[in-house]
Amino acid sequence: MTKQINQAETFAALHKKGDPVILYNIWDAGSAGAVRDAGARAIATGSAPVAMAQGYGDGQNIPIEAALENARRIVAAVDLPVTLDFEGAYAEDEMGVAENTQRALESGVIGFNFEDQIIGTSDLYDTETQAARVRAMREGCDAAGIPAFINARTDIFLKAKPDAHNDAMLNDAIARARAYADAGANGFFAPGLRDKDMIANLCESTDLPVNIIALPGTPDTTTLASLGVARISYGPVPYRHMLAWLQEQAKEALQQG
C-alpha cells in the first residue's frame, strides 16, 4: 500500500497548470508497456479502447470484473502510476460508488476518471447529485487509505458540436468544477472543449487542474499549456490509429497472398 500511496502522490504532483502532464491512453498491459517505453511518466486507461479491445461497446458494457482484472494486469506490467477510466463507477447510488471505488483501488490503480453522464442515456446527473457521487468516491478512497486522484469529468461539451459551445455551457461547467472540487475532486476533465478562450476561462475559474482531450481540432500541446491546462489526454485516438494501421498492414499482406 505504501507504494500505491507514493504513486498517488507522485501522480498528483504531475498536474501543473501551464506545464501539463501528457497521458497517451492505453487499453491493456502490452500497450501500457509500449507507452512506458516511449517515456511516459504515468499511464492512463481509456474506457472505450479497453472495452473495444475486449469486444465490448463503451459505456460500462465490459463487466466490472473484467475491467478491474485488466487494470490489475496493467499495474503489474508497468512500474508507473496507473489511472483508471472508471466511467460512472458502475453504480448509480452513492454507496455503490464508494464500494466500487474501494474494489478498483485493490487493483493497484491510483486515480480515476469519473463522469457525470448517466450511463446508458444522453443525460447528465444534475450538479448536486454528481457532487454527492464525487464525495462518495472520495469517501471510498479515504476508506481504502489511498489518496487517489479523482478527475471529475463533465460531458457538457461532448453533447454538442464545437460550434454550438456557448457561455451558458461554460458557466455550467465552471459551476460543476467548483461543486466537484468542494466534494473532493482533484481535477476537472472537459472533453470536447476546444475553443481557446473558453479553455483559458475555465482554467482561470477553477483551482482544479484542467484536463483537455487532444481530439481533432483541439489546440496543440504548446497552446494548451499557454492557456493553463494541466493535463492532456488522448482518449480513444491511439486505439483508433492502431486499428487503422493494423487494417492497412493486413490488407497489404492479404493482397500479396
Protein backbone atom coordinates (compact mmCIF):
# COMPACT_ATOMS: atom_id res chain seq x y z
CA MET A 1 0.00 0.00 0.00
CA THR A 2 2.93 2.33 0.70
CA LYS A 3 3.96 2.08 -2.96
CA GLN A 4 0.42 2.82 -4.09
CA ILE A 5 0.24 5.86 -1.81
CA ASN A 6 3.58 7.13 -3.11
CA GLN A 7 2.44 6.66 -6.69
CA ALA A 8 -0.79 8.54 -5.98
CA GLU A 9 1.19 11.45 -4.56
CA THR A 10 3.61 11.37 -7.49
CA PHE A 11 0.75 11.38 -9.96
CA ALA A 12 -0.99 14.32 -8.30
CA ALA A 13 2.26 16.33 -8.40
CA LEU A 14 2.46 15.88 -12.20
CA HIS A 15 -0.57 18.16 -12.64
CA LYS A 16 0.73 21.70 -13.09
CA LYS A 17 -1.17 24.49 -14.75
CA GLY A 18 0.82 25.61 -17.75
CA ASP A 19 3.02 22.50 -17.70
CA PRO A 20 0.58 19.70 -18.50
CA VAL A 21 1.20 16.03 -17.91
CA ILE A 22 0.65 14.06 -21.13
CA LEU A 23 -1.39 10.87 -20.83
CA TYR A 24 -1.38 8.78 -24.01
CA ASN A 25 -4.26 6.47 -23.24
CA ILE A 26 -3.79 2.71 -23.37
CA TRP A 27 -6.06 -0.36 -23.18
CA ASP A 28 -4.03 -3.34 -21.93
CA ALA A 29 -0.71 -4.38 -20.42
CA GLY A 30 1.04 -4.53 -23.78
CA SER A 31 0.02 -1.05 -24.88
CA ALA A 32 0.89 0.24 -21.40
CA GLY A 33 4.40 -1.15 -21.77
CA ALA A 34 4.81 0.48 -25.16
CA VAL A 35 3.76 3.89 -23.83
CA ARG A 36 6.01 3.46 -20.78
CA ASP A 37 8.96 2.70 -23.06
CA ALA A 38 8.16 5.84 -25.04
CA GLY A 39 8.91 7.89 -21.92
CA ALA A 40 5.54 8.30 -20.18
CA ARG A 41 5.55 9.43 -16.58
CA ALA A 42 2.15 7.88 -15.89
CA ILE A 43 -0.30 5.50 -17.54
CA ALA A 44 -3.99 6.15 -18.20
CA THR A 45 -6.58 3.72 -19.49
CA GLY A 46 -9.41 4.81 -21.77
CA SER A 47 -12.79 3.21 -21.22
CA ALA A 48 -13.66 2.99 -24.91
CA PRO A 49 -10.43 1.28 -26.07
CA VAL A 50 -10.41 -1.05 -23.05
CA ALA A 51 -13.95 -2.16 -23.88
CA MET A 52 -13.45 -2.38 -27.64
CA ALA A 53 -10.22 -4.34 -27.33
CA GLN A 54 -12.24 -6.98 -25.47
CA GLY A 55 -15.15 -6.98 -27.92
CA TYR A 56 -17.50 -4.73 -25.92
CA GLY A 57 -19.01 -1.34 -26.61
CA ASP A 58 -18.18 1.70 -24.48
CA GLY A 59 -20.50 2.72 -21.65
CA GLN A 60 -19.82 0.13 -18.92
CA ASN A 61 -20.64 -2.76 -21.24
CA ILE A 62 -17.45 -4.54 -20.25
CA PRO A 63 -18.18 -6.22 -16.89
CA ILE A 64 -16.58 -4.56 -13.91
CA GLU A 65 -14.74 -7.79 -13.05
CA ALA A 66 -13.11 -7.83 -16.49
CA ALA A 67 -12.27 -4.14 -16.34
CA LEU A 68 -10.62 -4.49 -12.94
CA GLU A 69 -8.70 -7.62 -13.93
CA ASN A 70 -7.38 -5.70 -16.93
CA ALA A 71 -6.36 -2.89 -14.58
CA ARG A 72 -4.50 -5.36 -12.34
CA ARG A 73 -2.52 -6.67 -15.29
CA ILE A 74 -1.61 -3.16 -16.37
CA VAL A 75 -0.46 -2.19 -12.87
CA ALA A 76 1.63 -5.37 -12.66
CA ALA A 77 3.23 -4.72 -16.06
CA VAL A 78 4.42 -1.15 -15.55
CA ASP A 79 6.17 0.46 -12.61
CA LEU A 80 4.34 3.74 -13.07
CA PRO A 81 1.21 5.36 -11.60
CA VAL A 82 -1.88 4.00 -13.37
CA THR A 83 -5.14 5.91 -13.50
CA LEU A 84 -8.36 4.15 -14.45
CA ASP A 85 -11.13 5.49 -16.66
CA PHE A 86 -13.94 4.26 -14.40
CA GLU A 87 -16.83 5.86 -16.32
CA GLY A 88 -19.73 6.09 -13.82
CA ALA A 89 -18.10 3.74 -11.28
CA TYR A 90 -20.59 1.02 -12.28
CA ALA A 91 -23.12 2.39 -9.78
CA GLU A 92 -25.89 4.95 -9.52
CA ASP A 93 -26.22 5.26 -5.76
CA GLU A 94 -23.54 6.74 -3.54
CA MET A 95 -22.94 3.57 -1.56
CA GLY A 96 -22.30 1.64 -4.75
CA VAL A 97 -19.86 4.30 -5.95
CA ALA A 98 -17.90 4.14 -2.69
CA GLU A 99 -17.82 0.33 -2.65
CA ASN A 100 -16.74 0.01 -6.28
CA THR A 101 -14.08 2.64 -5.77
CA GLN A 102 -12.57 0.53 -3.00
CA ARG A 103 -12.75 -2.56 -5.24
CA ALA A 104 -10.96 -0.70 -8.01
CA LEU A 105 -8.21 0.53 -5.70
CA GLU A 106 -7.46 -3.10 -4.80
CA SER A 107 -6.18 -3.47 -8.37
CA GLY A 108 -3.38 -1.01 -7.58
CA VAL A 109 -4.61 2.00 -9.58
CA ILE A 110 -4.06 5.45 -8.09
CA GLY A 111 -6.66 7.57 -9.83
CA PHE A 112 -9.97 7.70 -11.67
CA ASN A 113 -11.81 9.45 -14.43
CA PHE A 114 -15.36 9.77 -13.11
CA GLU A 115 -18.01 11.13 -15.45
CA ASP A 116 -21.30 12.93 -14.86
CA GLN A 117 -23.21 11.36 -17.75
CA ILE A 118 -25.90 8.92 -16.68
CA ILE A 119 -24.67 5.69 -18.22
CA GLY A 120 -26.98 4.34 -20.89
CA THR A 121 -28.62 7.72 -21.52
CA SER A 122 -27.71 11.04 -23.11
CA ASP A 123 -28.46 12.91 -19.89
CA LEU A 124 -26.17 14.25 -17.19
CA TYR A 125 -26.63 14.00 -13.46
CA ASP A 126 -27.54 17.39 -12.07
CA THR A 127 -24.67 19.17 -10.36
CA GLU A 128 -25.79 18.43 -6.80
CA THR A 129 -26.32 14.73 -7.45
CA GLN A 130 -22.99 14.30 -9.19
CA ALA A 131 -21.19 16.23 -6.47
CA ALA A 132 -22.62 13.76 -3.96
CA ARG A 133 -21.32 10.92 -6.13
CA VAL A 134 -17.86 12.52 -6.25
CA ARG A 135 -17.99 12.83 -2.47
CA ALA A 136 -18.84 9.13 -2.25
CA MET A 137 -15.86 8.28 -4.43
CA ARG A 138 -13.62 10.37 -2.18
CA GLU A 139 -15.01 8.54 0.85
CA GLY A 140 -14.22 5.25 -0.84
CA CYS A 141 -10.63 6.38 -1.41
CA ASP A 142 -10.33 7.52 2.19
CA ALA A 143 -11.70 4.21 3.46
CA ALA A 144 -9.10 2.38 1.37
CA GLY A 145 -6.34 4.63 2.70
CA ILE A 146 -5.28 5.75 -0.79
CA PRO A 147 -5.14 9.48 -1.73
CA ALA A 148 -6.35 8.65 -5.24
CA PHE A 149 -6.65 11.39 -7.86
CA ILE A 150 -10.31 11.91 -8.83
CA ASN A 151 -10.53 13.52 -12.25
CA ALA A 152 -14.15 14.66 -12.30
CA ARG A 153 -15.41 14.72 -15.88
CA THR A 154 -18.28 16.67 -17.37
CA ASP A 155 -19.75 15.69 -20.73
CA ILE A 156 -21.38 19.09 -21.34
CA PHE A 157 -19.19 19.86 -24.33
CA LEU A 158 -19.24 16.36 -25.82
CA LYS A 159 -23.01 16.59 -26.13
CA ALA A 160 -22.87 19.48 -28.62
CA LYS A 161 -20.87 20.27 -31.74
CA PRO A 162 -17.93 22.61 -31.07
CA ASP A 163 -19.51 25.48 -32.98
CA ALA A 164 -22.52 25.26 -30.65
CA HIS A 165 -20.49 25.68 -27.45
CA ASN A 166 -21.55 28.86 -25.68
CA ASP A 167 -21.18 30.87 -22.49
CA ALA A 168 -24.12 29.13 -20.80
CA MET A 169 -22.39 25.77 -21.23
CA LEU A 170 -19.12 27.20 -19.98
CA ASN A 171 -20.82 28.68 -16.92
CA ASP A 172 -22.43 25.31 -16.20
CA ALA A 173 -19.02 23.64 -16.46
CA ILE A 174 -17.44 26.20 -14.11
CA ALA A 175 -20.23 25.66 -11.57
CA ARG A 176 -19.73 21.91 -11.78
CA ALA A 177 -15.97 22.28 -11.35
CA ARG A 178 -16.50 24.25 -8.15
CA ALA A 179 -19.06 21.79 -6.80
CA TYR A 180 -16.91 18.79 -7.63
CA ALA A 181 -13.87 20.43 -6.04
CA ASP A 182 -15.83 21.03 -2.85
CA ALA A 183 -16.84 17.35 -2.92
CA GLY A 184 -13.24 16.18 -3.05
CA ALA A 185 -12.26 16.07 -6.73
CA ASN A 186 -8.61 16.65 -7.60
CA GLY A 187 -9.01 17.55 -11.26
CA PHE A 188 -11.64 18.62 -13.78
CA PHE A 189 -11.99 17.00 -17.20
CA ALA A 190 -13.85 18.80 -20.01
CA PRO A 191 -13.63 16.52 -23.08
CA GLY A 192 -14.80 18.07 -26.32
CA LEU A 193 -13.91 21.63 -25.36
CA ARG A 194 -11.52 23.13 -27.90
CA ASP A 195 -12.20 26.87 -28.05
CA LYS A 196 -9.09 28.65 -26.77
CA ASP A 197 -10.91 31.46 -24.97
CA MET A 198 -13.27 29.04 -23.24
CA ILE A 199 -10.41 26.78 -22.19
CA ALA A 200 -8.50 29.74 -20.76
CA ASN A 201 -11.61 30.95 -18.93
CA LEU A 202 -12.23 27.51 -17.45
CA CYS A 203 -8.63 27.20 -16.28
CA GLU A 204 -8.79 30.64 -14.66
CA SER A 205 -12.13 29.94 -12.99
CA THR A 206 -11.17 26.84 -11.01
CA ASP A 207 -8.27 25.89 -8.77
CA LEU A 208 -8.55 22.33 -10.05
CA PRO A 209 -6.07 21.27 -12.74
CA VAL A 210 -7.99 21.12 -16.02
CA ASN A 211 -7.79 18.14 -18.38
CA ILE A 212 -8.40 18.62 -22.13
CA ILE A 213 -8.52 15.76 -24.61
CA ALA A 214 -6.48 16.06 -27.80
CA LEU A 215 -9.23 15.34 -30.31
CA PRO A 216 -9.01 16.62 -33.91
CA GLY A 217 -9.38 20.40 -33.94
CA THR A 218 -8.10 20.86 -30.39
CA PRO A 219 -5.24 23.37 -29.91
CA ASP A 220 -1.78 21.80 -29.82
CA THR A 221 0.10 21.00 -26.63
CA THR A 222 2.07 24.26 -26.54
CA THR A 223 -1.10 26.31 -26.92
CA LEU A 224 -2.99 24.31 -24.31
CA ALA A 225 -0.12 24.82 -21.89
CA SER A 226 -0.22 28.57 -22.50
CA LEU A 227 -3.94 28.55 -21.69
CA GLY A 228 -3.31 26.98 -18.28
CA VAL A 229 -4.19 23.35 -18.98
CA ALA A 230 -2.59 20.89 -16.54
CA ARG A 231 -3.38 17.55 -18.19
CA ILE A 232 -3.72 16.43 -21.80
CA SER A 233 -5.12 13.02 -22.63
CA TYR A 234 -5.86 11.24 -25.89
CA GLY A 235 -8.86 9.03 -25.14
CA PRO A 236 -9.69 6.58 -27.95
CA VAL A 237 -7.41 8.27 -30.52
CA PRO A 238 -4.36 5.97 -30.02
CA TYR A 239 -6.52 2.84 -30.29
CA ARG A 240 -8.20 4.09 -33.45
CA HIS A 241 -4.83 4.92 -35.01
CA MET A 242 -3.55 1.47 -34.07
CA LEU A 243 -6.58 -0.22 -35.65
CA ALA A 244 -6.23 1.81 -38.84
CA TRP A 245 -2.55 0.87 -39.09
CA LEU A 246 -3.31 -2.79 -38.39
CA GLN A 247 -6.03 -2.90 -41.00
CA GLU A 248 -3.79 -1.28 -43.61
CA GLN A 249 -0.97 -3.71 -42.87
CA ALA A 250 -3.35 -6.64 -43.01
CA LYS A 251 -4.75 -5.52 -46.35
CA GLU A 252 -1.27 -5.22 -47.79
CA ALA A 253 -0.31 -8.69 -46.56
CA LEU A 254 -3.55 -10.32 -47.70
CA GLN A 255 -3.38 -8.76 -51.14
CA GLN A 256 0.03 -10.33 -51.60
CA GLY A 257 -1.36 -13.77 -50.80
